[in-house]
Amino acid sequence: MSKSVKKLTGLVAATFTPLTAEGEINLSVIGPYIDYLIEKQNVKSVFINGTTGEGFSLTVDERKQLAAAWCQHGKGKLEQVIVHVGCMSIKDSQELTRHAASIGADGIAVISPSYFKPINADALRLFLKEVSAFAPDLPMYYYHIPSMTGVALDAADVLNGIEQMIPSFQGVKFTGTDLRDLGQCVCYSQSHNWSVMFGIDEQLLGALVLGVHGAVGSTYNYLGRIVNQMLAAFYNGNHMQTRALQFEFMEVITFAKNLGFDVSVNKQVMSEVSGLAMGPPRLPMLPCPVSKAQAIAQKIKDFSQGH
């Protein structure tokens, strides 16, 4: 790459996409959203148009508008804006990549296609290479989330040798539960100074022990302040405090999961906790009962007030 890259570390909020009651993107919320993340949660990097952001339910034009708004409003405030550009069509991914570079994004992330799936790591690396070619100076991250894509390839196999094909490659967002695979990603990334970012929020401590450099997740939108305390305790060697916070965090997520904690519910919870109007999810997801979101939001508020 022709320019130095700031390593992606710490907490990154996987952002929701604000929609109006009619289901159209609501860009007016982005500015206040950024202020909320920084001032209330001490989270200064974002991952947009991903799973939490309903990226695959948005049009290419909508994803461009959202990316531009995040970059515009985040300039001078956010440390990094990572734009997810993965699509079923390589042409759409390439266009979103070109656009991300043109608006000053700090990096791109690319998920594997999930309808016509790559048959092996070579095919997926080639897809990533052809996408990255449309912004060769923009840091690229592979977004590994087999539970959603159905692509069961080991992330470590995808990383193996990828630096020879994609000079702009800078790491992986690992949203999976296979700690063996995660550990191999961390091990391989060490000599390249890449970032390995973990994506299962309630299992973060296990990933920290393996050496991940940070985390990307939806709950950091409203629990970032608490999880930052957990990170500080871990890096200060206070493992009892770290475990205590992780156990409390797990209890909150277990409570939420028992009520059916999916993207739709999570989005409504964000509205309840933050006071920002996130709006409904886009079909085929359905809005959740307000009472369910309020119950989870209260649990989150109680957890936050205790710290």
Protein backbone atom coordinates (compact mmCIF):
# COMPACT_ATOMS: atom_id res chain seq x y z
CA MET A 1 0.00 0.00 0.00
CA SER A 2 1.17 3.51 -0.75
CA LYS A 3 0.22 5.05 2.60
CA SER A 4 0.58 4.11 6.24
CA VAL A 5 -2.43 2.42 7.80
CA LYS A 6 -3.77 3.05 11.27
CA LYS A 7 -4.30 -0.35 12.84
CA LEU A 8 -7.89 -1.17 13.68
CA THR A 9 -8.14 -1.90 17.42
CA GLY A 10 -10.52 -1.54 20.36
CA LEU A 11 -14.28 -1.46 20.12
CA VAL A 12 -16.06 -0.89 16.81
CA ALA A 13 -19.83 -0.42 16.76
CA ALA A 14 -21.62 -2.46 14.11
CA THR A 15 -24.18 0.22 13.38
CA PHE A 16 -27.90 -0.03 12.76
CA THR A 17 -29.45 1.58 9.69
CA PRO A 18 -32.04 4.18 10.71
CA LEU A 19 -35.25 3.85 8.70
CA THR A 20 -38.37 5.97 8.60
CA ALA A 21 -41.75 4.50 9.50
CA GLU A 22 -42.24 3.99 5.74
CA GLY A 23 -39.04 1.95 5.51
CA GLU A 24 -36.80 4.53 3.81
CA ILE A 25 -33.27 5.28 5.05
CA ASN A 26 -33.21 8.17 7.51
CA LEU A 27 -29.92 10.00 7.13
CA SER A 28 -30.91 12.73 9.61
CA VAL A 29 -30.18 10.33 12.48
CA ILE A 30 -26.53 9.72 11.53
CA GLY A 31 -25.10 12.92 13.05
CA PRO A 32 -26.77 12.47 16.46
CA TYR A 33 -25.92 8.74 16.30
CA ILE A 34 -22.22 9.55 16.00
CA ASP A 35 -22.38 11.99 18.91
CA TYR A 36 -24.14 9.37 21.04
CA LEU A 37 -21.50 6.72 20.33
CA ILE A 38 -18.65 9.06 21.21
CA GLU A 39 -20.14 10.91 24.15
CA LYS A 40 -22.17 8.15 25.83
CA GLN A 41 -20.33 4.96 24.88
CA ASN A 42 -16.76 6.12 24.20
CA VAL A 43 -16.84 4.20 20.93
CA LYS A 44 -15.06 6.01 18.13
CA SER A 45 -15.01 3.55 15.23
CA VAL A 46 -17.89 2.10 13.25
CA PHE A 47 -18.61 -0.79 10.90
CA ILE A 48 -21.50 0.16 8.64
CA ASN A 49 -23.83 -1.69 6.25
CA GLY A 50 -23.04 -5.04 7.82
CA THR A 51 -25.37 -7.61 9.34
CA THR A 52 -26.58 -5.30 12.10
CA GLY A 53 -27.06 -2.58 9.49
CA GLU A 54 -29.23 -4.84 7.30
CA GLY A 55 -26.76 -4.30 4.47
CA PHE A 56 -28.14 -7.11 2.32
CA SER A 57 -31.64 -5.64 2.56
CA LEU A 58 -30.47 -2.31 1.15
CA THR A 59 -29.96 -1.25 -2.44
CA VAL A 60 -26.51 -0.31 -3.72
CA ASP A 61 -27.59 3.33 -3.89
CA GLU A 62 -28.88 3.26 -0.30
CA ARG A 63 -25.61 1.76 0.89
CA LYS A 64 -23.72 4.52 -0.90
CA GLN A 65 -25.87 7.21 0.72
CA LEU A 66 -25.34 5.73 4.17
CA ALA A 67 -21.59 5.37 3.69
CA ALA A 68 -21.30 8.96 2.50
CA ALA A 69 -23.32 10.24 5.48
CA TRP A 70 -21.21 8.33 8.00
CA CYS A 71 -17.98 9.58 6.43
CA GLN A 72 -19.25 13.16 6.17
CA HIS A 73 -20.62 13.42 9.70
CA GLY A 74 -17.83 11.37 11.20
CA LYS A 75 -14.99 13.42 9.77
CA GLY A 76 -12.93 14.81 12.63
CA LYS A 77 -14.99 12.85 15.16
CA LEU A 78 -14.73 9.15 14.39
CA GLU A 79 -11.38 7.42 14.29
CA GLN A 80 -12.32 4.87 11.63
CA VAL A 81 -15.30 4.26 9.37
CA ILE A 82 -15.18 0.74 7.93
CA VAL A 83 -17.69 0.20 5.12
CA HIS A 84 -18.96 -3.28 4.42
CA VAL A 85 -19.14 -3.69 0.63
CA GLY A 86 -19.91 -7.38 0.26
CA CYS A 87 -22.69 -8.36 -2.17
CA MET A 88 -23.89 -11.39 -4.06
CA SER A 89 -22.70 -9.67 -7.25
CA ILE A 90 -19.00 -8.99 -7.60
CA LYS A 91 -19.85 -5.98 -9.77
CA ASP A 92 -21.91 -4.43 -6.98
CA SER A 93 -19.11 -5.11 -4.49
CA GLN A 94 -16.61 -3.46 -6.80
CA GLU A 95 -18.82 -0.41 -7.24
CA LEU A 96 -19.30 -0.04 -3.50
CA THR A 97 -15.55 -0.41 -3.02
CA ARG A 98 -14.84 2.33 -5.57
CA HIS A 99 -17.39 4.54 -3.86
CA ALA A 100 -15.97 3.90 -0.38
CA ALA A 101 -12.56 5.08 -1.55
CA SER A 102 -14.05 8.19 -3.15
CA ILE A 103 -15.78 9.35 0.06
CA GLY A 104 -12.78 8.89 2.34
CA ALA A 105 -13.69 5.67 4.14
CA ASP A 106 -10.93 4.26 6.32
CA GLY A 107 -11.37 0.70 5.14
CA ILE A 108 -13.68 -1.85 3.58
CA ALA A 109 -14.89 -5.24 4.73
CA VAL A 110 -16.05 -7.98 2.39
CA ILE A 111 -18.26 -10.93 3.24
CA SER A 112 -18.30 -14.11 1.18
CA PRO A 113 -21.08 -14.50 -1.38
CA SER A 114 -23.64 -16.89 0.07
CA TYR A 115 -25.93 -17.99 -2.77
CA PHE A 116 -23.34 -19.20 -5.23
CA LYS A 117 -20.73 -20.02 -2.62
CA PRO A 118 -16.96 -20.27 -3.18
CA ILE A 119 -16.01 -23.94 -3.29
CA ASN A 120 -12.68 -23.41 -1.56
CA ALA A 121 -10.37 -20.78 -0.06
CA ASP A 122 -8.75 -20.12 -3.44
CA ALA A 123 -12.08 -19.09 -4.96
CA LEU A 124 -12.89 -16.79 -2.04
CA ARG A 125 -9.44 -15.17 -2.11
CA LEU A 126 -9.87 -14.52 -5.83
CA PHE A 127 -13.25 -12.87 -5.18
CA LEU A 128 -11.70 -10.68 -2.48
CA LYS A 129 -8.81 -9.80 -4.79
CA GLU A 130 -11.10 -8.68 -7.61
CA VAL A 131 -13.09 -6.52 -5.20
CA SER A 132 -10.02 -4.93 -3.62
CA ALA A 133 -8.64 -4.00 -7.05
CA PHE A 134 -11.20 -1.17 -7.22
CA ALA A 135 -9.57 0.57 -4.23
CA PRO A 136 -5.99 -0.75 -4.05
CA ASP A 137 -4.93 1.77 -1.39
CA LEU A 138 -7.89 1.17 0.92
CA PRO A 139 -7.40 -1.29 3.80
CA MET A 140 -9.43 -4.44 3.27
CA TYR A 141 -10.80 -6.82 5.90
CA TYR A 142 -12.35 -10.22 5.30
CA TYR A 143 -15.70 -10.49 7.11
CA HIS A 144 -16.03 -14.08 8.32
CA ILE A 145 -19.55 -14.98 9.50
CA PRO A 146 -20.35 -18.60 8.59
CA SER A 147 -23.61 -18.65 10.56
CA MET A 148 -25.09 -16.19 8.05
CA THR A 149 -23.26 -17.10 4.83
CA GLY A 150 -23.24 -20.88 5.18
CA VAL A 151 -19.63 -20.75 3.96
CA ALA A 152 -17.85 -23.14 6.31
CA LEU A 153 -14.30 -22.50 5.12
CA ASP A 154 -11.79 -21.86 7.88
CA ALA A 155 -10.93 -18.18 8.03
CA ALA A 156 -7.29 -19.15 8.59
CA ASP A 157 -7.27 -20.94 5.23
CA VAL A 158 -8.60 -17.78 3.55
CA LEU A 159 -5.85 -15.69 5.16
CA ASN A 160 -3.08 -18.09 4.19
CA GLY A 161 -1.08 -16.37 1.44
CA ILE A 162 -3.65 -13.62 0.87
CA GLU A 163 -1.00 -10.91 1.30
CA GLN A 164 0.55 -12.06 -1.98
CA MET A 165 -2.72 -11.42 -3.82
CA ILE A 166 -4.03 -8.37 -1.94
CA PRO A 167 -1.36 -5.93 -0.72
CA SER A 168 -4.09 -3.83 0.92
CA PHE A 169 -5.28 -6.71 3.13
CA GLN A 170 -5.29 -5.71 6.78
CA GLY A 171 -7.14 -8.38 8.73
CA VAL A 172 -10.36 -10.19 9.51
CA LYS A 173 -13.62 -9.58 11.32
CA PHE A 174 -14.10 -13.03 12.84
CA THR A 175 -17.74 -13.64 13.74
CA GLY A 176 -17.61 -17.30 14.63
CA THR A 177 -17.28 -19.60 17.62
CA ASP A 178 -14.40 -21.81 16.45
CA LEU A 179 -11.60 -20.70 18.76
CA ARG A 180 -9.12 -23.02 17.06
CA ASP A 181 -9.68 -21.23 13.76
CA LEU A 182 -9.61 -17.84 15.51
CA GLY A 183 -6.32 -18.68 17.20
CA GLN A 184 -4.76 -19.64 13.88
CA CYS A 185 -5.92 -16.33 12.38
CA VAL A 186 -4.28 -14.44 15.25
CA CYS A 187 -1.08 -16.47 14.89
CA TYR A 188 -0.86 -15.91 11.12
CA SER A 189 -1.67 -12.21 11.44
CA GLN A 190 1.09 -11.46 13.93
CA SER A 191 3.91 -11.30 11.42
CA HIS A 192 1.84 -9.07 9.10
CA ASN A 193 0.64 -6.63 11.78
CA TRP A 194 -2.96 -7.29 10.74
CA SER A 195 -5.99 -6.75 12.93
CA VAL A 196 -8.12 -9.65 14.08
CA MET A 197 -11.45 -8.28 15.31
CA PHE A 198 -13.89 -10.54 17.14
CA GLY A 199 -17.63 -10.48 16.43
CA ILE A 200 -19.36 -12.59 19.10
CA ASP A 201 -19.94 -9.95 21.75
CA GLU A 202 -20.83 -12.21 24.69
CA GLN A 203 -17.71 -14.35 24.13
CA LEU A 204 -15.20 -11.52 23.88
CA LEU A 205 -13.07 -12.53 26.87
CA GLY A 206 -12.19 -15.89 25.32
CA ALA A 207 -11.05 -14.11 22.18
CA LEU A 208 -9.00 -11.56 24.13
CA VAL A 209 -7.03 -14.37 25.73
CA LEU A 210 -6.16 -15.63 22.24
CA GLY A 211 -4.84 -12.19 21.30
CA VAL A 212 -7.49 -10.47 19.19
CA HIS A 213 -6.94 -6.75 18.71
CA GLY A 214 -10.50 -5.60 19.30
CA ALA A 215 -14.13 -6.35 18.61
CA VAL A 216 -16.89 -5.38 16.20
CA GLY A 217 -20.40 -5.81 17.51
CA SER A 218 -23.94 -4.53 17.76
CA THR A 219 -24.14 -4.34 21.55
CA TYR A 220 -21.26 -1.86 21.65
CA ASN A 221 -23.77 0.68 20.35
CA TYR A 222 -25.29 0.82 23.82
CA LEU A 223 -22.90 -1.13 26.07
CA GLY A 224 -19.62 0.21 24.71
CA ARG A 225 -18.80 2.09 27.89
CA ILE A 226 -19.08 -1.05 30.01
CA VAL A 227 -17.17 -3.25 27.57
CA ASN A 228 -14.42 -0.61 27.40
CA GLN A 229 -14.13 -1.03 31.19
CA MET A 230 -13.75 -4.77 30.62
CA LEU A 231 -11.02 -4.20 28.05
CA ALA A 232 -9.17 -1.86 30.39
CA ALA A 233 -9.38 -4.39 33.22
CA PHE A 234 -8.07 -7.14 30.95
CA TYR A 235 -5.11 -5.13 29.68
CA ASN A 236 -4.31 -4.02 33.25
CA GLY A 237 -4.14 -7.64 34.34
CA ASN A 238 -7.23 -7.46 36.55
CA HIS A 239 -8.67 -10.76 35.41
CA MET A 240 -11.17 -11.09 38.28
CA GLN A 241 -12.83 -7.82 37.26
CA THR A 242 -12.69 -8.82 33.61
CA ARG A 243 -14.45 -12.13 34.32
CA ALA A 244 -17.02 -10.45 36.53
CA LEU A 245 -17.95 -7.97 33.79
CA GLN A 246 -18.01 -10.70 31.14
CA PHE A 247 -20.32 -12.85 33.30
CA GLU A 248 -22.68 -9.91 33.86
CA PHE A 249 -22.62 -9.17 30.14
CA MET A 250 -23.45 -12.82 29.40
CA GLU A 251 -26.39 -12.63 31.79
CA VAL A 252 -27.81 -9.64 29.90
CA ILE A 253 -27.43 -11.39 26.53
CA THR A 254 -28.96 -14.60 27.91
CA PHE A 255 -31.94 -12.62 29.15
CA ALA A 256 -32.29 -11.03 25.71
CA LYS A 257 -31.91 -14.33 23.86
CA ASN A 258 -34.62 -15.91 25.97
CA LEU A 259 -36.94 -13.21 24.62
CA GLY A 260 -35.84 -13.80 21.01
CA PHE A 261 -32.85 -11.51 20.45
CA ASP A 262 -32.42 -11.01 16.70
CA VAL A 263 -31.50 -8.03 14.51
CA SER A 264 -35.06 -6.71 14.61
CA VAL A 265 -35.27 -6.85 18.40
CA ASN A 266 -31.77 -5.46 18.76
CA LYS A 267 -32.65 -2.48 16.58
CA GLN A 268 -35.68 -1.65 18.72
CA VAL A 269 -33.57 -2.07 21.86
CA MET A 270 -31.14 0.50 20.47
CA SER A 271 -34.01 2.95 20.04
CA GLU A 272 -35.18 2.36 23.60
CA VAL A 273 -31.73 2.66 25.20
CA SER A 274 -30.33 5.55 23.15
CA GLY A 275 -33.46 7.57 22.45
CA LEU A 276 -32.49 7.66 18.77
CA ALA A 277 -35.20 6.72 16.26
CA MET A 278 -33.83 3.63 14.52
CA GLY A 279 -37.19 2.83 12.96
CA PRO A 280 -38.45 -0.61 11.93
CA PRO A 281 -36.41 -3.36 10.29
CA ARG A 282 -36.83 -3.94 6.59
CA LEU A 283 -38.83 -6.91 5.38
CA PRO A 284 -38.69 -9.85 5.55
CA MET A 285 -37.83 -9.08 9.19
CA LEU A 286 -40.78 -7.93 11.25
CA PRO A 287 -40.91 -5.31 14.02
CA CYS A 288 -40.76 -6.76 17.51
CA PRO A 289 -43.30 -6.10 20.26
CA VAL A 290 -42.41 -2.90 22.08
CA SER A 291 -42.79 -4.64 25.45
CA LYS A 292 -40.06 -7.13 24.56
CA ALA A 293 -37.61 -4.41 23.54
CA GLN A 294 -38.45 -2.38 26.64
CA ALA A 295 -37.77 -5.35 28.93
CA ILE A 296 -34.34 -5.92 27.37
CA ALA A 297 -33.59 -2.19 27.39
CA GLN A 298 -34.38 -2.02 31.11
CA LYS A 299 -32.02 -4.93 31.77
CA ILE A 300 -29.31 -3.08 29.86
CA LYS A 301 -29.96 0.15 31.74
CA ASP A 302 -29.77 -1.65 35.09
CA PHE A 303 -26.47 -3.24 34.07
CA SER A 304 -25.09 0.10 32.92
CA GLN A 305 -26.18 1.97 36.05
CA GLY A 306 -24.36 -0.57 38.18
CA HIS A 307 -21.10 0.46 36.56
